[in-house]
Amino acid sequence: MFSQQQQQTQQQKISTMQPSQISRSERLRQLTSELDEACVSEYHPLLRLVDKYNQLVSEDVVLWHQIQGRLVRSENDWSFIDQQGNQYCLTTESMNGIPIEELTTAYYYSARQRRDTKSIILIRQLNVPVVNECDSVKQVHELVEPMMAENYQVLIISWWGETVKNATQKLTRLGIKVVWLDPSDVNNGKIVHEMNKTQYDFQLVVLRGAHHEIVTAAHRLRRMGRRIKVANNPGVSAMVAFVQEALQNVEDEA
């Protein structure tokens, strides 16, 4: 039989060992699940954690990001369709004070979207009319600048396949060769090996979905002078803009 002191010592050993046996992801999930109004004041130290995280990845952790799309109506129900074709039902909260009688399917809208829940809140109606599919394709071609003279190569690391595919179409019309690696399909070692190749004029790493090893390699290469950017979760337009800006700098330095 254990004495009371031995039992206390054993319990202390167990309590000391338990945190090290729990992964960081599990600890974060546990903290998230325990957060409520009663203990929210105890979570202020998380601000320091976020600040340190931002310093390490050189990107802000943003809960909301801005998107654009159009509205559709089915009888009395309204929905928002973003530029990737994702549809979200509008609630009173997501209308953000915009009277329902002022909603229209004739113009595009800007909205904020939560990265975790994917819920949206309308911001305002844009002064951009909704066009039919044929006109939309025509506008896309007109917005793309003339093809670049150089045969540039770009590496994009992202698990957002639809976004990368749409961005690749636009970049290809500019004469830019794009290689896409999906972290959910390709292991970290192969991705880092590809990142180390000097054939790429620019590399874009999408932070959301990228493993720590990939992000660390990106910052190491950037410190070595390589053209590489780590971005939170860019849309199609942002991806194209990042690439064009980086390659324009290449031309300016030539």
Protein backbone atom coordinates (compact mmCIF):
# COMPACT_ATOMS: atom_id res chain seq x y z
CA MET A 1 0.00 0.00 0.00
CA PHE A 2 1.24 3.47 -0.86
CA SER A 3 1.49 5.99 1.93
CA GLN A 4 -0.32 9.30 1.52
CA GLN A 5 2.99 11.04 0.79
CA GLN A 6 3.87 8.44 -1.89
CA GLN A 7 0.45 8.89 -3.50
CA GLN A 8 0.92 12.66 -3.62
CA THR A 9 4.37 12.22 -5.14
CA GLN A 10 2.96 9.87 -7.78
CA GLN A 11 0.17 12.32 -8.64
CA GLN A 12 2.69 15.13 -8.97
CA LYS A 13 4.74 13.03 -11.39
CA ILE A 14 1.64 12.29 -13.48
CA SER A 15 0.57 15.93 -13.54
CA THR A 16 4.12 16.91 -14.52
CA MET A 17 4.23 14.39 -17.36
CA GLN A 18 0.80 15.05 -18.83
CA PRO A 19 1.47 18.45 -20.48
CA SER A 20 4.53 17.11 -22.33
CA GLN A 21 2.47 14.20 -23.65
CA ILE A 22 -0.15 16.53 -25.15
CA SER A 23 0.65 18.05 -28.53
CA ARG A 24 0.61 21.81 -29.03
CA SER A 25 -2.38 21.50 -31.35
CA GLU A 26 -4.31 19.59 -28.69
CA ARG A 27 -3.43 22.16 -26.04
CA LEU A 28 -4.61 24.98 -28.31
CA ARG A 29 -7.87 23.13 -28.99
CA GLN A 30 -8.34 22.59 -25.27
CA LEU A 31 -7.80 26.29 -24.52
CA THR A 32 -10.24 27.23 -27.27
CA SER A 33 -12.93 24.85 -26.01
CA GLU A 34 -12.61 26.20 -22.46
CA LEU A 35 -12.87 29.87 -23.46
CA ASP A 36 -16.10 31.56 -22.38
CA GLU A 37 -17.26 34.85 -20.87
CA ALA A 38 -16.43 33.68 -17.36
CA CYS A 39 -12.70 33.25 -18.05
CA VAL A 40 -12.05 35.56 -21.00
CA SER A 41 -9.97 37.93 -18.85
CA GLU A 42 -7.47 35.11 -18.23
CA TYR A 43 -6.80 34.82 -21.97
CA HIS A 44 -5.13 38.23 -22.38
CA PRO A 45 -1.64 36.62 -22.47
CA LEU A 46 -2.67 35.15 -25.85
CA LEU A 47 -2.06 38.61 -27.31
CA ARG A 48 1.64 38.14 -26.64
CA LEU A 49 1.46 34.74 -28.32
CA VAL A 50 -0.13 36.27 -31.42
CA ASP A 51 2.46 39.06 -31.51
CA LYS A 52 5.30 36.55 -31.35
CA TYR A 53 3.64 34.39 -34.01
CA ASN A 54 3.32 37.45 -36.27
CA GLN A 55 7.00 38.22 -35.84
CA LEU A 56 7.99 34.68 -36.79
CA VAL A 57 5.86 34.42 -39.93
CA SER A 58 5.97 38.12 -40.88
CA GLU A 59 2.22 38.12 -41.43
CA ASP A 60 -0.70 39.39 -39.37
CA VAL A 61 -3.14 36.82 -38.04
CA VAL A 62 -6.41 38.25 -39.26
CA LEU A 63 -9.74 36.74 -38.26
CA TRP A 64 -11.68 38.50 -41.03
CA HIS A 65 -10.76 39.03 -44.65
CA GLN A 66 -12.55 40.90 -47.41
CA ILE A 67 -14.20 39.21 -50.38
CA GLN A 68 -16.45 40.27 -53.24
CA GLY A 69 -19.42 38.65 -54.91
CA ARG A 70 -22.98 39.02 -56.10
CA LEU A 71 -26.42 38.37 -54.65
CA VAL A 72 -29.05 35.90 -55.82
CA ARG A 73 -32.66 35.68 -54.71
CA SER A 74 -34.91 32.66 -54.38
CA GLU A 75 -38.41 33.80 -53.42
CA ASN A 76 -37.83 35.58 -50.08
CA ASP A 77 -34.35 34.18 -49.43
CA TRP A 78 -31.13 35.95 -50.41
CA SER A 79 -27.69 34.42 -50.87
CA PHE A 80 -24.20 35.77 -51.49
CA ILE A 81 -22.00 34.07 -54.11
CA ASP A 82 -18.27 34.86 -53.95
CA GLN A 83 -15.83 34.97 -56.86
CA GLN A 84 -14.97 31.28 -56.41
CA GLY A 85 -18.65 30.30 -56.70
CA ASN A 86 -19.18 29.55 -52.99
CA GLN A 87 -22.72 30.38 -51.84
CA TYR A 88 -23.71 31.71 -48.41
CA CYS A 89 -27.26 32.28 -47.15
CA LEU A 90 -27.84 35.81 -45.90
CA THR A 91 -29.19 36.28 -42.39
CA THR A 92 -30.28 39.44 -40.63
CA GLU A 93 -26.84 39.61 -39.03
CA SER A 94 -24.96 39.12 -42.30
CA MET A 95 -26.98 41.91 -43.97
CA ASN A 96 -25.23 44.25 -41.53
CA GLY A 97 -28.09 46.76 -41.30
CA ILE A 98 -28.68 46.99 -45.06
CA PRO A 99 -32.47 47.05 -45.58
CA ILE A 100 -33.66 44.00 -47.47
CA GLU A 101 -35.60 46.20 -49.89
CA GLU A 102 -32.29 47.82 -50.95
CA LEU A 103 -30.63 44.53 -51.90
CA THR A 104 -30.13 44.01 -55.62
CA THR A 105 -28.83 41.33 -57.96
CA ALA A 106 -27.69 43.97 -60.46
CA TYR A 107 -24.46 45.00 -58.68
CA TYR A 108 -21.55 43.32 -56.93
CA TYR A 109 -21.04 43.62 -53.16
CA SER A 110 -18.04 43.60 -50.86
CA ALA A 111 -18.22 41.53 -47.69
CA ARG A 112 -16.14 40.43 -44.73
CA GLN A 113 -15.69 36.71 -44.09
CA ARG A 114 -14.53 34.96 -40.94
CA ARG A 115 -11.65 32.61 -41.68
CA ASP A 116 -12.75 30.04 -39.11
CA THR A 117 -16.54 29.83 -39.51
CA LYS A 118 -16.72 31.10 -43.13
CA SER A 119 -19.67 33.31 -42.13
CA ILE A 120 -19.99 36.61 -44.00
CA ILE A 121 -21.14 40.16 -43.30
CA LEU A 122 -22.00 42.50 -46.16
CA ILE A 123 -20.03 45.76 -46.27
CA ARG A 124 -21.56 47.72 -49.12
CA GLN A 125 -22.82 47.64 -52.69
CA LEU A 126 -20.07 48.26 -55.24
CA ASN A 127 -20.47 50.49 -58.26
CA VAL A 128 -19.77 47.50 -60.50
CA PRO A 129 -22.70 46.00 -62.40
CA VAL A 130 -23.09 42.23 -62.63
CA VAL A 131 -22.43 41.07 -66.19
CA ASN A 132 -23.33 37.85 -67.95
CA GLU A 133 -20.77 35.06 -68.33
CA CYS A 134 -19.69 36.01 -71.87
CA ASP A 135 -19.08 39.63 -70.91
CA SER A 136 -17.29 38.50 -67.75
CA VAL A 137 -14.83 36.36 -69.74
CA LYS A 138 -14.28 39.29 -72.11
CA GLN A 139 -13.54 41.63 -69.20
CA VAL A 140 -11.06 39.18 -67.69
CA HIS A 141 -9.11 39.08 -70.96
CA GLU A 142 -9.19 42.87 -71.22
CA LEU A 143 -7.91 43.30 -67.68
CA VAL A 144 -4.89 41.08 -68.24
CA GLU A 145 -1.85 43.09 -69.30
CA PRO A 146 0.18 42.22 -72.42
CA MET A 147 2.40 39.17 -72.15
CA MET A 148 5.80 39.65 -70.54
CA ALA A 149 8.84 39.29 -72.73
CA GLU A 150 10.79 37.10 -70.32
CA ASN A 151 9.99 33.43 -69.73
CA TYR A 152 9.52 33.66 -65.98
CA GLN A 153 8.94 30.68 -63.69
CA VAL A 154 6.94 30.91 -60.48
CA LEU A 155 6.40 28.37 -57.70
CA ILE A 156 3.13 28.55 -55.74
CA ILE A 157 2.65 26.44 -52.61
CA SER A 158 -0.99 26.33 -51.59
CA TRP A 159 -3.74 23.86 -50.78
CA TRP A 160 -6.43 26.20 -52.24
CA GLY A 161 -6.61 24.45 -55.60
CA GLU A 162 -9.42 26.42 -57.21
CA THR A 163 -7.78 29.75 -56.38
CA VAL A 164 -4.40 28.63 -57.74
CA LYS A 165 -5.97 27.25 -60.92
CA ASN A 166 -7.73 30.54 -61.66
CA ALA A 167 -4.59 32.54 -60.89
CA THR A 168 -2.51 30.21 -63.06
CA GLN A 169 -4.81 30.80 -66.03
CA LYS A 170 -4.25 34.55 -65.79
CA LEU A 171 -0.50 34.22 -65.23
CA THR A 172 -0.14 31.79 -68.14
CA ARG A 173 -1.69 34.38 -70.46
CA LEU A 174 1.09 36.69 -69.30
CA GLY A 175 3.67 34.16 -70.43
CA ILE A 176 4.52 33.06 -66.88
CA LYS A 177 5.10 29.38 -66.18
CA VAL A 178 3.54 28.33 -62.86
CA VAL A 179 4.42 25.24 -60.84
CA TRP A 180 1.90 24.45 -58.11
CA LEU A 181 2.56 22.20 -55.11
CA ASP A 182 -0.25 21.23 -52.72
CA PRO A 183 0.98 20.57 -49.13
CA SER A 184 -1.92 18.17 -48.62
CA ASP A 185 -0.66 15.98 -51.49
CA VAL A 186 3.12 16.51 -51.50
CA ASN A 187 5.27 15.83 -48.44
CA ASN A 188 7.28 18.59 -46.79
CA GLY A 189 10.65 17.22 -47.85
CA LYS A 190 9.81 17.32 -51.56
CA ILE A 191 8.33 20.81 -51.26
CA VAL A 192 11.39 22.19 -49.45
CA HIS A 193 13.64 20.50 -52.04
CA GLU A 194 11.70 22.25 -54.82
CA MET A 195 11.86 25.57 -52.98
CA ASN A 196 15.66 25.33 -52.85
CA LYS A 197 15.90 25.20 -56.64
CA THR A 198 17.21 28.42 -58.18
CA GLN A 199 15.17 28.18 -61.38
CA TYR A 200 12.22 30.08 -59.92
CA ASP A 201 12.09 33.85 -60.29
CA PHE A 202 9.50 34.11 -57.51
CA GLN A 203 7.85 31.84 -54.95
CA LEU A 204 4.53 32.35 -53.18
CA VAL A 205 3.74 30.36 -50.03
CA VAL A 206 0.16 30.49 -48.77
CA LEU A 207 0.41 30.39 -44.99
CA ARG A 208 -2.94 28.76 -44.35
CA GLY A 209 -2.39 25.03 -44.81
CA ALA A 210 1.41 25.26 -45.05
CA HIS A 211 3.39 23.25 -42.51
CA HIS A 212 5.90 24.89 -40.17
CA GLU A 213 8.83 23.33 -42.04
CA ILE A 214 7.73 24.99 -45.29
CA VAL A 215 7.22 28.41 -43.71
CA THR A 216 10.61 28.19 -41.96
CA ALA A 217 12.28 27.31 -45.27
CA ALA A 218 10.56 30.27 -46.94
CA HIS A 219 11.91 32.75 -44.40
CA ARG A 220 15.38 31.19 -44.60
CA LEU A 221 15.43 31.57 -48.39
CA ARG A 222 14.15 35.13 -48.17
CA ARG A 223 16.98 36.04 -45.80
CA MET A 224 19.35 34.61 -48.41
CA GLY A 225 18.00 37.10 -50.94
CA ARG A 226 15.55 34.89 -52.81
CA ARG A 227 12.29 36.43 -54.04
CA ILE A 228 9.68 34.69 -51.92
CA LYS A 229 6.53 35.85 -50.15
CA VAL A 230 4.48 34.25 -47.38
CA ALA A 231 0.84 35.38 -47.54
CA ASN A 232 -2.10 34.54 -45.28
CA ASN A 233 -4.81 33.47 -47.72
CA PRO A 234 -4.73 35.54 -50.93
CA GLY A 235 -7.48 35.38 -53.52
CA VAL A 236 -6.95 35.14 -57.26
CA SER A 237 -6.40 38.87 -57.79
CA ALA A 238 -3.95 39.10 -54.88
CA MET A 239 -1.95 36.11 -56.14
CA VAL A 240 -1.64 37.64 -59.60
CA ALA A 241 -0.71 41.02 -58.11
CA PHE A 242 2.01 39.48 -55.89
CA VAL A 243 3.57 37.71 -58.88
CA GLN A 244 3.37 40.73 -61.18
CA GLU A 245 4.90 43.04 -58.58
CA ALA A 246 7.77 40.65 -57.87
CA LEU A 247 8.54 40.07 -61.55
CA GLN A 248 8.32 43.78 -62.30
CA ASN A 249 11.07 44.26 -59.73
CA VAL A 250 13.11 41.64 -61.59
CA GLU A 251 12.73 43.61 -64.82
CA ASP A 252 13.59 46.89 -63.10
CA GLU A 253 16.79 45.37 -61.69
CA ALA A 254 17.82 43.89 -65.04
